[in-house]
Amino acid sequence: MNTAVESTLRQVLSREMLDYYVKEYELLTAERGREFVVLGAEKIAYRVGLCQNGYEIQRESESGTAVHPLLRAPAHDLHKHAIGKAMVSGALFTSALH
């Protein structure tokens, strides 16, 4: 990844950070959910929103359209989802807001 792209990304290392970034985006843009990227061999994008018991997670294509059904993951089960696994391994990122 080039350094220009790296400087615009924020690493997400905990559920508290994930919650903060989702809320920040929703408050500043009035849009539901925020895009997060799992960096690895492929860049896999997800739109993550908060719901009463945890998270609403939607995998997105490169164009931003949904490619899988919406999944609701309880907060205590987030570690079972690709988002949670990426967070633990340091591979979950979101774009900085300007």
Protein backbone atom coordinates (compact mmCIF):
# COMPACT_ATOMS: atom_id res chain seq x y z
CA MET A 1 0.00 0.00 0.00
CA ASN A 2 1.35 3.44 -0.76
CA THR A 3 2.02 5.88 2.07
CA ALA A 4 -0.55 8.42 0.83
CA VAL A 5 -3.30 5.84 1.26
CA GLU A 6 -1.88 4.68 4.61
CA SER A 7 -1.95 8.23 5.99
CA THR A 8 -5.68 8.54 5.33
CA LEU A 9 -6.58 5.32 7.17
CA ARG A 10 -7.24 4.86 10.86
CA GLN A 11 -6.53 1.49 12.42
CA VAL A 12 -9.31 0.00 14.56
CA LEU A 13 -8.02 -2.11 17.46
CA SER A 14 -10.99 -2.44 19.84
CA ARG A 15 -14.79 -2.47 19.99
CA GLU A 16 -14.64 0.93 21.69
CA MET A 17 -12.74 2.36 18.72
CA LEU A 18 -15.17 0.69 16.29
CA ASP A 19 -18.14 2.20 18.14
CA TYR A 20 -16.49 5.63 18.22
CA TYR A 21 -15.72 5.64 14.49
CA VAL A 22 -19.26 4.52 13.59
CA LYS A 23 -20.85 7.19 15.83
CA GLU A 24 -18.45 9.88 14.60
CA TYR A 25 -19.33 9.17 10.97
CA GLU A 26 -23.08 9.01 11.60
CA LEU A 27 -23.07 12.29 13.53
CA LEU A 28 -20.98 14.18 10.98
CA THR A 29 -22.60 12.83 7.82
CA ALA A 30 -26.14 11.87 8.93
CA GLU A 31 -25.62 8.57 7.05
CA ARG A 32 -26.15 5.15 8.61
CA GLY A 33 -23.06 3.03 9.22
CA ARG A 34 -19.45 3.56 8.24
CA GLU A 35 -17.19 1.75 5.81
CA PHE A 36 -14.37 -0.35 7.23
CA VAL A 37 -11.75 -2.24 5.26
CA VAL A 38 -9.98 -5.47 6.12
CA LEU A 39 -6.51 -5.15 4.64
CA GLY A 40 -4.77 -8.29 3.50
CA ALA A 41 -4.23 -10.04 0.18
CA GLU A 42 -7.54 -8.44 -0.82
CA LYS A 43 -9.19 -5.32 0.53
CA ILE A 44 -12.61 -6.41 1.77
CA ALA A 45 -15.02 -3.60 2.59
CA TYR A 46 -17.85 -3.70 5.10
CA ARG A 47 -20.42 -1.12 6.15
CA VAL A 48 -20.85 -1.34 9.92
CA GLY A 49 -23.63 0.26 11.91
CA LEU A 50 -24.67 0.02 15.52
CA CYS A 51 -27.89 -1.64 16.61
CA GLN A 52 -29.45 -2.31 19.99
CA ASN A 53 -27.48 -5.47 20.80
CA GLY A 54 -24.37 -5.01 18.71
CA TYR A 55 -23.63 -4.43 15.04
CA GLU A 56 -25.22 -4.49 11.62
CA ILE A 57 -22.60 -5.63 9.13
CA GLN A 58 -22.93 -5.53 5.34
CA ARG A 59 -20.16 -6.64 2.98
CA GLU A 60 -19.75 -4.23 0.06
CA SER A 61 -18.34 -4.42 -3.44
CA GLU A 62 -15.70 -1.97 -4.67
CA SER A 63 -18.52 0.26 -5.94
CA GLY A 64 -20.14 0.34 -2.50
CA THR A 65 -23.13 -1.90 -3.23
CA ALA A 66 -24.11 -4.70 -0.88
CA VAL A 67 -22.87 -8.13 -1.95
CA HIS A 68 -24.15 -10.18 1.00
CA PRO A 69 -27.27 -9.98 3.17
CA LEU A 70 -27.19 -7.72 6.21
CA LEU A 71 -25.88 -9.56 9.26
CA ARG A 72 -26.66 -8.62 12.84
CA ALA A 73 -23.85 -9.61 15.20
CA PRO A 74 -24.25 -9.30 18.96
CA ALA A 75 -21.38 -7.34 20.50
CA HIS A 76 -20.22 -10.37 22.48
CA ASP A 77 -19.97 -12.44 19.25
CA LEU A 78 -18.10 -9.87 17.16
CA HIS A 79 -14.88 -11.86 17.56
CA LYS A 80 -16.47 -14.63 15.43
CA HIS A 81 -16.96 -12.32 12.43
CA ALA A 82 -14.28 -11.27 9.92
CA ILE A 83 -14.52 -7.71 11.31
CA GLY A 84 -13.69 -8.88 14.84
CA LYS A 85 -10.90 -11.18 13.66
CA ALA A 86 -9.37 -8.38 11.59
CA MET A 87 -9.61 -5.99 14.54
CA VAL A 88 -7.71 -8.41 16.80
CA SER A 89 -5.01 -8.98 14.18
CA GLY A 90 -4.59 -5.24 13.43
CA ALA A 91 -5.97 -5.46 9.89
CA LEU A 92 -9.18 -3.40 10.31
CA PHE A 93 -9.12 0.20 9.07
CA THR A 94 -11.44 3.06 8.24
CA SER A 95 -10.84 6.25 6.28
CA ALA A 96 -10.14 9.45 8.18
CA LEU A 97 -12.84 12.08 7.98
CA HIS A 98 -11.66 15.41 6.62
